[in-house]
Amino acid sequence: MAEFFVDLKPPAEWSRRLTREELAAQIEEAVGRVPGFDPAISQPIRDNVLESISQIDGQIVIKVFGDDPATLRAKASEALRIVSGVRGVSRAFIDRGGQVPQLQIEVDRPRAARYGLNVADVEDVIETALGGKVATEIWEGEKRFGVAVRLRDEDRRDIAGIKNVLVDTPAGPRVPLAEVANISVRAGNMNISRESGSRLVAIAVFIRGRDMGGIVQEARQKVAEGVAFPPGYYVTFGGEFENQQRAMTRLAVIVPVSIFLIFILLFHAFGSVRNAAIILANIPLASIGGIVALYLTGIHLSVSAAIGFIALFGQAVLNGVVMVSYFAQLRGQGLPPREAVLTGAAVRLRTVLMTALLAMLGLLPMALSHGIGSEVQKPLAVVVIGGLVSATLLTLMVLPTLYFLVEQRVARAAESEQDQRVRPGIDTLDPQAAFEE
């Protein structure tokens, strides 16, 4: 594994017009042609963030838990094969999944028992020969040092020499280590990971061109259908996706609470549930533009985009307050619903447009940015700008219409109630007048 840091020239000096994503894809394709290379392009800060989430460098981290290393590797390889075929997965690999040559010594218990040896006796010889063991101590003045005994470096690399290491037996004769143990050089795992007291093999997944939630949902379904896990073995999905899920769970609570608090404040300001509900109708109208803007720009719903929707709701409510408050003021002066709506919409047109354009133009540089941090700023700005476009248009057309229909119905209901109160009195006093009425 090796890391190479590449500094890019300013985009203005590039000879071709490319996005960062296109540049990264071309670099991966070019470097990937070199035999033995498996390239991945990232950024230092991003790597640190991903590793701090799940200790694995990957946007999505799939962890397979179990006991037996061989079974874990086999099941992780099956899951890797399935996940690699999911649309939107640009790269998937087993984290630190390489193997290295290892000297493996397995004590043959029956053969050792024939010489009167137990496993601890043989392991003691192996530890002394290869790892070293303190045999005595020496003193230098007031300092004491342990003296370790072990084979020389060249002898420890010689398998034939290790096989001939002599082991003392209780009966007296000394036998070669190869007589009581099987010695071989095999490929072994370069890393054994543990989490919550269980062994695991992690699969790091990087995505491109698709939303993270959709990829995880499809990968979960395909892994559950295509990999048969033995009892005690299971798989989990984490990484950046885990952070996103936690944030979305919080937002699922925060957004309704925010809307409810806005409603309470509107009711307190207008003293009318009807007017407060009409203003809140601006929220879904604004959401339409935000969703369309995400679709047209190809940006997936993220935490940043969700926060943009919250900011958009506040701006949409502000425009609604500007309109409805003036409608209510005109109604209080005695104007009928139709005249109040036409007059109020014409007068407040400039105010609503100025308020919306101020926010849209202020966020436009963020929506067009491609520099460092744009992946966080851009979704928020795109949602707010797109939402304000629809919210402004619909505020000037739909909101006055909705206010007019509601007020007209309320006025008709009031007139009908007044007629019902007057009619009994007429019938009682003068039947002829009631008939003429």
Protein backbone atom coordinates (compact mmCIF):
# COMPACT_ATOMS: atom_id res chain seq x y z
CA MET A 1 0.00 0.00 0.00
CA ALA A 2 1.30 3.43 -0.89
CA GLU A 3 -0.08 6.97 -0.88
CA PHE A 4 0.85 9.68 -3.37
CA PHE A 5 -0.18 13.30 -2.83
CA VAL A 6 -0.89 15.15 -6.08
CA ASP A 7 -1.33 18.93 -6.12
CA LEU A 8 -3.64 20.13 -8.89
CA LYS A 9 -3.09 23.31 -10.84
CA PRO A 10 -5.80 25.99 -10.58
CA PRO A 11 -8.76 24.98 -12.81
CA ALA A 12 -8.23 28.12 -14.89
CA GLU A 13 -4.88 26.70 -16.07
CA TRP A 14 -6.25 23.30 -17.13
CA SER A 15 -5.92 22.55 -20.83
CA ARG A 16 -9.23 20.69 -20.89
CA ARG A 17 -12.58 21.41 -19.26
CA LEU A 18 -13.06 18.68 -16.69
CA THR A 19 -14.83 18.32 -13.40
CA ARG A 20 -12.95 16.90 -10.46
CA GLU A 21 -14.99 13.69 -10.73
CA GLU A 22 -14.08 13.28 -14.42
CA LEU A 23 -10.42 13.95 -13.65
CA ALA A 24 -10.41 11.35 -10.86
CA ALA A 25 -12.04 8.76 -13.14
CA GLN A 26 -9.45 9.35 -15.87
CA ILE A 27 -6.56 9.08 -13.40
CA GLU A 28 -7.96 5.82 -12.01
CA GLU A 29 -8.37 4.42 -15.52
CA ALA A 30 -4.82 5.37 -16.53
CA VAL A 31 -3.12 4.11 -13.38
CA GLY A 32 -5.30 0.99 -13.32
CA ARG A 33 -3.68 -0.20 -16.54
CA VAL A 34 -0.44 -0.88 -14.66
CA PRO A 35 -0.39 -4.59 -13.70
CA GLY A 36 -0.84 -5.16 -9.99
CA PHE A 37 -2.22 -1.70 -9.26
CA ASP A 38 -5.63 -1.19 -7.65
CA PRO A 39 -5.93 2.62 -7.48
CA ALA A 40 -8.32 4.71 -5.40
CA ILE A 41 -8.47 8.52 -5.34
CA SER A 42 -9.46 10.44 -2.25
CA GLN A 43 -8.43 13.44 -0.16
CA PRO A 44 -6.45 13.50 3.11
CA ILE A 45 -9.14 15.16 5.22
CA ARG A 46 -11.79 12.87 3.79
CA ASP A 47 -9.71 9.79 4.60
CA ASN A 48 -9.24 10.97 8.18
CA VAL A 49 -12.98 11.56 8.57
CA LEU A 50 -13.89 8.13 7.15
CA GLU A 51 -11.34 6.36 9.34
CA SER A 52 -12.55 8.21 12.43
CA ILE A 53 -16.09 6.91 11.80
CA SER A 54 -15.40 3.18 11.46
CA GLN A 55 -11.57 2.84 11.48
CA ILE A 56 -11.84 1.81 7.82
CA ASP A 57 -11.19 4.03 4.81
CA GLY A 58 -14.48 3.62 2.94
CA GLN A 59 -17.72 5.51 2.36
CA ILE A 60 -19.65 2.34 3.14
CA VAL A 61 -18.07 -0.28 5.39
CA ILE A 62 -19.50 -3.81 5.40
CA LYS A 63 -18.34 -5.87 8.37
CA VAL A 64 -18.67 -9.65 8.47
CA PHE A 65 -18.44 -11.05 12.02
CA GLY A 66 -17.64 -14.62 13.03
CA ASP A 67 -15.11 -16.95 14.69
CA ASP A 68 -13.23 -18.95 12.09
CA PRO A 69 -10.81 -16.84 9.96
CA ALA A 70 -11.13 -19.09 6.91
CA THR A 71 -14.94 -19.00 7.00
CA LEU A 72 -14.88 -15.24 7.54
CA ARG A 73 -12.65 -14.73 4.50
CA ALA A 74 -14.82 -16.99 2.34
CA LYS A 75 -18.06 -15.24 3.31
CA ALA A 76 -16.46 -11.80 2.94
CA SER A 77 -15.26 -12.76 -0.55
CA GLU A 78 -18.81 -13.83 -1.48
CA ALA A 79 -20.22 -10.55 -0.16
CA LEU A 80 -17.51 -8.60 -2.00
CA ARG A 81 -18.39 -10.29 -5.29
CA ILE A 82 -22.07 -9.42 -4.85
CA VAL A 83 -21.51 -5.83 -3.70
CA SER A 84 -19.09 -5.10 -6.54
CA GLY A 85 -21.92 -5.74 -9.00
CA VAL A 86 -24.28 -3.20 -7.42
CA ARG A 87 -24.91 -0.18 -9.64
CA GLY A 88 -23.09 2.87 -8.31
CA VAL A 89 -20.24 0.99 -6.60
CA SER A 90 -17.02 2.32 -8.15
CA ARG A 91 -14.63 0.29 -6.01
CA ALA A 92 -14.91 -2.35 -3.32
CA PHE A 93 -12.17 -4.32 -1.59
CA ILE A 94 -11.45 -6.29 1.57
CA ASP A 95 -9.61 -4.01 3.98
CA ARG A 96 -6.07 -5.22 4.66
CA GLY A 97 -7.07 -8.51 3.10
CA GLY A 98 -3.67 -9.50 1.77
CA GLN A 99 -1.78 -12.58 2.92
CA VAL A 100 1.86 -12.89 3.91
CA PRO A 101 4.11 -15.96 4.22
CA GLN A 102 4.19 -17.29 7.76
CA LEU A 103 6.18 -19.99 9.48
CA GLN A 104 3.50 -22.20 11.02
CA ILE A 105 4.39 -24.83 13.61
CA GLU A 106 1.67 -27.22 14.74
CA VAL A 107 2.51 -29.55 17.64
CA ASP A 108 1.62 -33.17 16.90
CA ARG A 109 0.17 -34.19 20.25
CA PRO A 110 0.19 -38.00 19.78
CA ARG A 111 3.82 -38.06 18.61
CA ALA A 112 4.89 -35.71 21.39
CA ALA A 113 3.11 -37.88 23.94
CA ARG A 114 5.10 -40.95 22.80
CA TYR A 115 8.26 -39.12 23.85
CA GLY A 116 6.70 -38.07 27.17
CA LEU A 117 6.36 -34.44 26.08
CA ASN A 118 3.38 -32.16 26.52
CA VAL A 119 2.50 -29.14 24.38
CA ALA A 120 4.00 -26.68 26.87
CA ASP A 121 7.42 -28.36 26.63
CA VAL A 122 7.50 -28.10 22.84
CA GLU A 123 6.19 -24.52 22.83
CA ASP A 124 8.89 -23.53 25.32
CA VAL A 125 11.57 -24.70 22.89
CA ILE A 126 9.92 -22.90 19.98
CA GLU A 127 9.63 -19.68 21.99
CA THR A 128 13.29 -19.84 23.00
CA ALA A 129 14.57 -20.62 19.50
CA LEU A 130 12.54 -18.10 17.52
CA GLY A 131 11.35 -15.40 19.89
CA GLY A 132 14.06 -15.52 22.49
CA LYS A 133 13.79 -16.20 26.20
CA VAL A 134 15.63 -14.74 29.18
CA ALA A 135 18.09 -17.36 30.48
CA THR A 136 20.07 -15.33 33.00
CA GLU A 137 20.95 -11.82 34.13
CA ILE A 138 24.10 -9.74 34.23
CA TRP A 139 25.00 -6.78 36.38
CA GLU A 140 26.83 -3.63 35.34
CA GLY A 141 27.33 -1.66 38.50
CA GLU A 142 23.83 -0.97 39.81
CA LYS A 143 22.15 -1.89 36.54
CA ARG A 144 20.73 -5.32 35.83
CA PHE A 145 20.07 -6.70 32.35
CA GLY A 146 18.32 -9.83 31.20
CA VAL A 147 20.19 -12.08 28.76
CA ALA A 148 17.95 -13.65 26.11
CA VAL A 149 18.86 -16.78 24.21
CA ARG A 150 17.64 -17.50 20.67
CA LEU A 151 18.87 -18.70 17.28
CA ARG A 152 20.90 -16.44 15.05
CA ASP A 153 19.03 -14.44 12.43
CA GLU A 154 20.22 -16.58 9.55
CA ASP A 155 19.24 -19.76 11.43
CA ARG A 156 15.76 -18.43 12.16
CA ARG A 157 15.23 -17.95 8.42
CA ASP A 158 16.39 -21.49 7.66
CA ILE A 159 13.45 -23.88 7.84
CA ALA A 160 15.70 -26.94 7.71
CA GLY A 161 17.68 -25.62 10.66
CA ILE A 162 14.47 -24.97 12.66
CA LYS A 163 13.33 -28.54 12.01
CA ASN A 164 16.59 -29.80 13.50
CA VAL A 165 16.31 -27.84 16.76
CA LEU A 166 16.67 -30.43 19.53
CA VAL A 167 14.00 -30.91 22.21
CA ASP A 168 14.86 -32.50 25.57
CA THR A 169 12.67 -35.44 26.59
CA PRO A 170 12.00 -36.68 30.12
CA ALA A 171 13.75 -39.98 29.30
CA GLY A 172 16.97 -38.20 28.42
CA PRO A 173 17.36 -38.45 24.64
CA ARG A 174 16.97 -35.29 22.56
CA VAL A 175 14.78 -35.39 19.45
CA PRO A 176 14.52 -32.93 16.54
CA LEU A 177 11.61 -30.53 16.60
CA ALA A 178 10.35 -32.03 13.31
CA GLU A 179 9.68 -35.31 15.13
CA VAL A 180 7.03 -33.77 17.38
CA ALA A 181 5.64 -30.93 15.23
CA ASN A 182 4.61 -30.19 11.67
CA ILE A 183 6.63 -27.24 10.31
CA SER A 184 5.75 -25.43 7.09
CA VAL A 185 5.61 -22.01 5.45
CA ARG A 186 2.08 -21.01 4.46
CA ALA A 187 0.17 -17.89 3.54
CA GLY A 188 -1.51 -16.27 6.53
CA ASN A 189 -3.68 -13.21 7.14
CA MET A 190 -1.72 -9.98 7.32
CA ASN A 191 -4.29 -8.57 9.75
CA ILE A 192 -6.79 -9.96 12.25
CA SER A 193 -9.38 -7.38 13.30
CA ARG A 194 -11.68 -7.54 16.29
CA GLU A 195 -14.65 -5.50 17.40
CA SER A 196 -16.92 -6.05 20.39
CA GLY A 197 -15.06 -9.27 21.22
CA SER A 198 -15.59 -10.85 17.79
CA ARG A 199 -13.37 -11.36 14.77
CA LEU A 200 -14.36 -9.50 11.64
CA VAL A 201 -13.42 -8.95 8.03
CA ALA A 202 -14.26 -5.49 6.65
CA ILE A 203 -15.18 -4.58 3.09
CA ALA A 204 -14.61 -0.94 2.09
CA VAL A 205 -16.93 0.43 -0.60
CA PHE A 206 -16.64 3.66 -2.59
CA ILE A 207 -19.58 4.94 -4.62
CA ARG A 208 -20.06 7.21 -7.61
CA GLY A 209 -23.12 8.43 -9.51
CA ARG A 210 -25.78 7.12 -7.12
CA ASP A 211 -27.20 7.93 -3.70
CA MET A 212 -25.72 6.13 -0.73
CA GLY A 213 -29.04 5.02 0.75
CA GLY A 214 -30.15 3.30 -2.47
CA ILE A 215 -26.83 1.46 -2.79
CA VAL A 216 -26.94 0.24 0.81
CA GLN A 217 -30.54 -0.92 0.49
CA GLU A 218 -29.81 -2.90 -2.69
CA ALA A 219 -26.54 -4.31 -1.30
CA ARG A 220 -28.26 -5.46 1.90
CA GLN A 221 -30.95 -7.25 -0.05
CA LYS A 222 -28.53 -8.96 -2.44
CA VAL A 223 -26.12 -10.02 0.33
CA ALA A 224 -28.99 -11.43 2.39
CA GLU A 225 -30.21 -13.40 -0.63
CA GLY A 226 -26.83 -14.47 -2.02
CA VAL A 227 -24.69 -15.27 1.05
CA ALA A 228 -25.63 -18.04 3.48
CA PHE A 229 -24.08 -17.17 6.84
CA PRO A 230 -23.53 -20.07 9.30
CA PRO A 231 -24.91 -19.72 12.84
CA GLY A 232 -22.96 -17.09 14.76
CA TYR A 233 -21.95 -15.19 11.63
CA TYR A 234 -23.61 -11.91 10.64
CA VAL A 235 -23.03 -8.75 8.60
CA THR A 236 -23.43 -5.03 9.39
CA PHE A 237 -23.33 -1.87 7.25
CA GLY A 238 -21.62 1.26 8.56
CA GLY A 239 -19.15 3.97 7.63
CA GLU A 240 -20.28 7.32 6.26
CA PHE A 241 -23.69 5.75 5.68
CA GLU A 242 -23.97 5.15 9.45
CA ASN A 243 -23.32 8.84 10.11
CA GLN A 244 -25.89 9.80 7.50
CA GLN A 245 -28.50 7.51 9.06
CA ARG A 246 -27.93 8.99 12.51
CA ALA A 247 -28.24 12.52 11.12
CA MET A 248 -31.40 11.68 9.17
CA THR A 249 -32.93 10.10 12.28
CA ARG A 250 -32.33 13.32 14.20
CA LEU A 251 -33.69 15.42 11.35
CA ALA A 252 -36.83 13.26 11.25
CA VAL A 253 -37.54 14.61 14.73
CA ILE A 254 -36.17 18.13 14.31
CA VAL A 255 -38.12 19.00 11.14
CA PRO A 256 -41.63 18.23 12.52
CA VAL A 257 -40.76 19.98 15.77
CA SER A 258 -39.54 23.02 13.82
CA ILE A 259 -42.74 23.16 11.77
CA PHE A 260 -44.84 22.84 14.92
CA LEU A 261 -42.94 25.70 16.61
CA ILE A 262 -43.40 27.84 13.48
CA PHE A 263 -47.13 27.12 13.63
CA ILE A 264 -47.27 28.15 17.31
CA LEU A 265 -45.46 31.42 16.54
CA LEU A 266 -47.75 32.13 13.60
CA PHE A 267 -50.85 31.46 15.68
CA HIS A 268 -49.51 33.77 18.38
CA ALA A 269 -48.84 36.49 15.80
CA PHE A 270 -52.16 36.28 13.91
CA GLY A 271 -54.43 34.85 16.61
CA SER A 272 -55.97 32.65 13.91
CA VAL A 273 -55.47 28.98 13.18
CA ARG A 274 -56.81 29.61 9.68
CA ASN A 275 -54.15 32.17 8.73
CA ALA A 276 -51.38 30.14 10.34
CA ALA A 277 -52.39 27.06 8.32
CA ILE A 278 -52.51 29.08 5.09
CA ILE A 279 -48.97 30.33 5.67
CA LEU A 280 -47.72 26.80 6.46
CA ALA A 281 -49.11 25.71 3.07
CA ASN A 282 -46.10 27.53 1.64
CA ILE A 283 -43.79 24.80 2.99
CA PRO A 284 -44.84 22.03 0.57
CA LEU A 285 -44.92 24.59 -2.24
CA ALA A 286 -41.30 25.46 -1.51
CA SER A 287 -40.30 21.79 -1.19
CA ILE A 288 -41.37 21.19 -4.80
CA GLY A 289 -38.70 23.54 -6.14
CA GLY A 290 -36.00 22.14 -3.86
CA ILE A 291 -36.68 18.56 -4.97
CA VAL A 292 -36.76 19.54 -8.66
CA ALA A 293 -33.48 21.46 -8.26
CA LEU A 294 -31.77 18.40 -6.75
CA TYR A 295 -33.06 16.26 -9.60
CA LEU A 296 -31.93 18.63 -12.34
CA THR A 297 -28.43 19.08 -10.89
CA GLY A 298 -27.98 15.38 -10.15
CA ILE A 299 -27.30 15.98 -6.45
CA HIS A 300 -28.47 13.29 -4.06
CA LEU A 301 -30.35 14.00 -0.85
CA SER A 302 -27.77 14.40 1.91
CA VAL A 303 -27.54 15.91 5.37
CA SER A 304 -26.47 19.21 3.83
CA ALA A 305 -29.49 19.18 1.48
CA ALA A 306 -31.81 18.33 4.38
CA ILE A 307 -30.51 21.34 6.32
CA GLY A 308 -31.11 23.41 3.19
CA PHE A 309 -34.77 22.36 3.28
CA ILE A 310 -35.04 23.61 6.88
CA ALA A 311 -33.59 27.00 5.86
CA LEU A 312 -35.94 27.03 2.87
CA PHE A 313 -38.97 26.46 5.11
CA GLY A 314 -38.08 29.54 7.13
CA GLN A 315 -37.72 31.71 4.02
CA ALA A 316 -41.00 30.40 2.57
CA VAL A 317 -42.84 31.10 5.81
CA LEU A 318 -41.41 34.63 5.82
CA ASN A 319 -42.86 35.28 2.35
CA GLY A 320 -46.19 33.87 3.49
CA VAL A 321 -46.25 36.14 6.53
CA VAL A 322 -45.57 39.18 4.33
CA MET A 323 -48.54 38.33 2.11
CA VAL A 324 -51.11 37.08 4.62
CA SER A 325 -50.46 39.82 7.17
CA TYR A 326 -51.28 42.46 4.56
CA PHE A 327 -54.35 40.53 3.40
CA ALA A 328 -55.57 40.42 7.01
CA GLN A 329 -54.88 44.15 7.38
CA LEU A 330 -56.98 44.97 4.30
CA ARG A 331 -59.76 42.68 5.48
CA GLY A 332 -59.75 44.53 8.79
CA GLN A 333 -60.32 47.77 6.87
CA GLY A 334 -63.53 46.33 5.46
CA LEU A 335 -62.45 45.17 2.00
CA PRO A 336 -64.13 42.02 0.68
CA PRO A 337 -61.90 38.94 0.11
CA ARG A 338 -61.49 39.46 -3.63
CA GLU A 339 -60.41 43.09 -3.45
CA ALA A 340 -58.19 42.40 -0.42
CA VAL A 341 -56.34 39.62 -2.27
CA LEU A 342 -55.90 41.54 -5.54
CA THR A 343 -54.74 44.71 -3.83
CA GLY A 344 -52.48 42.92 -1.33
CA ALA A 345 -50.79 40.72 -3.96
CA ALA A 346 -50.04 43.75 -6.15
CA VAL A 347 -48.64 45.82 -3.26
CA ARG A 348 -46.54 43.00 -1.76
CA LEU A 349 -45.18 41.78 -5.11
CA ARG A 350 -42.05 43.91 -4.88
CA THR A 351 -41.41 42.97 -1.23
CA VAL A 352 -41.67 39.23 -1.88
CA LEU A 353 -39.44 39.42 -4.95
CA MET A 354 -36.79 41.46 -3.13
CA THR A 355 -36.77 39.05 -0.18
CA ALA A 356 -36.46 35.98 -2.42
CA LEU A 357 -33.85 37.48 -4.76
CA LEU A 358 -31.71 38.59 -1.83
CA ALA A 359 -31.42 35.03 -0.55
CA MET A 360 -31.05 33.48 -4.01
CA LEU A 361 -28.31 35.84 -5.20
CA GLY A 362 -26.49 35.51 -1.89
CA LEU A 363 -26.36 31.71 -2.20
CA LEU A 364 -25.61 31.62 -5.94
CA PRO A 365 -21.78 31.54 -5.50
CA MET A 366 -22.16 28.51 -3.19
CA ALA A 367 -24.37 26.74 -5.74
CA LEU A 368 -21.78 27.30 -8.51
CA SER A 369 -18.70 26.52 -6.41
CA HIS A 370 -16.31 23.66 -7.26
CA GLY A 371 -13.57 24.29 -4.73
CA ILE A 372 -12.74 22.75 -1.37
CA GLY A 373 -15.86 22.23 0.70
CA SER A 374 -18.25 22.58 -2.25
CA GLU A 375 -19.63 19.08 -1.65
CA VAL A 376 -21.08 20.40 1.62
CA GLN A 377 -22.09 23.91 0.51
CA LYS A 378 -23.53 23.11 -2.91
CA PRO A 379 -26.51 20.88 -1.93
CA LEU A 380 -27.69 23.40 0.67
CA ALA A 381 -27.52 26.32 -1.76
CA VAL A 382 -29.17 24.40 -4.62
CA VAL A 383 -32.10 23.40 -2.41
CA VAL A 384 -32.69 26.93 -1.14
CA ILE A 385 -32.41 28.57 -4.58
CA GLY A 386 -34.63 26.00 -6.30
CA GLY A 387 -37.16 26.10 -3.49
CA LEU A 388 -37.34 29.88 -3.50
CA VAL A 389 -38.05 29.90 -7.24
CA SER A 390 -41.13 27.72 -6.81
CA ALA A 391 -42.08 29.26 -3.46
CA THR A 392 -41.99 32.80 -4.87
CA LEU A 393 -44.07 31.95 -7.93
CA LEU A 394 -46.57 29.92 -5.95
CA THR A 395 -46.69 32.50 -3.14
CA LEU A 396 -47.75 35.16 -5.64
CA MET A 397 -50.37 32.92 -7.31
CA VAL A 398 -51.45 29.95 -5.19
CA LEU A 399 -51.29 31.57 -1.75
CA PRO A 400 -53.60 34.53 -2.65
CA THR A 401 -56.01 32.09 -4.33
CA LEU A 402 -56.00 29.84 -1.30
CA TYR A 403 -56.56 32.81 1.03
CA PHE A 404 -59.43 34.04 -1.14
CA LEU A 405 -61.16 30.64 -1.21
CA VAL A 406 -60.86 30.20 2.56
CA GLU A 407 -62.01 33.73 3.36
CA GLN A 408 -64.89 33.49 0.89
CA ARG A 409 -66.09 30.27 2.50
CA VAL A 410 -65.81 31.83 5.96
CA ALA A 411 -67.76 34.89 4.78
CA ARG A 412 -70.49 32.74 3.28
CA ALA A 413 -70.73 30.69 6.45
CA ALA A 414 -71.06 33.88 8.50
CA GLU A 415 -73.82 35.18 6.23
CA SER A 416 -75.68 31.87 6.38
CA GLU A 417 -75.47 31.84 10.18
CA GLN A 418 -76.76 35.42 10.30
CA ASP A 419 -79.68 34.52 8.04
CA GLN A 420 -80.58 31.62 10.28
CA ARG A 421 -80.64 33.93 13.27
CA VAL A 422 -82.87 36.50 11.53
CA ARG A 423 -85.39 34.10 9.94
CA PRO A 424 -86.97 32.77 13.20
CA GLY A 425 -87.73 36.32 14.36
CA ILE A 426 -89.42 37.20 11.09
CA ASP A 427 -91.52 34.02 11.11
CA THR A 428 -92.70 34.68 14.64
CA LEU A 429 -93.64 38.35 14.22
CA ASP A 430 -95.06 38.50 10.73
CA PRO A 431 -95.76 35.36 8.65
CA GLN A 432 -96.60 37.50 5.61
CA ALA A 433 -93.17 39.23 5.80
CA ALA A 434 -91.49 35.87 6.10
CA PHE A 435 -93.34 34.66 3.00
CA GLU A 436 -92.30 37.73 1.04
CA GLU A 437 -88.68 37.31 2.20
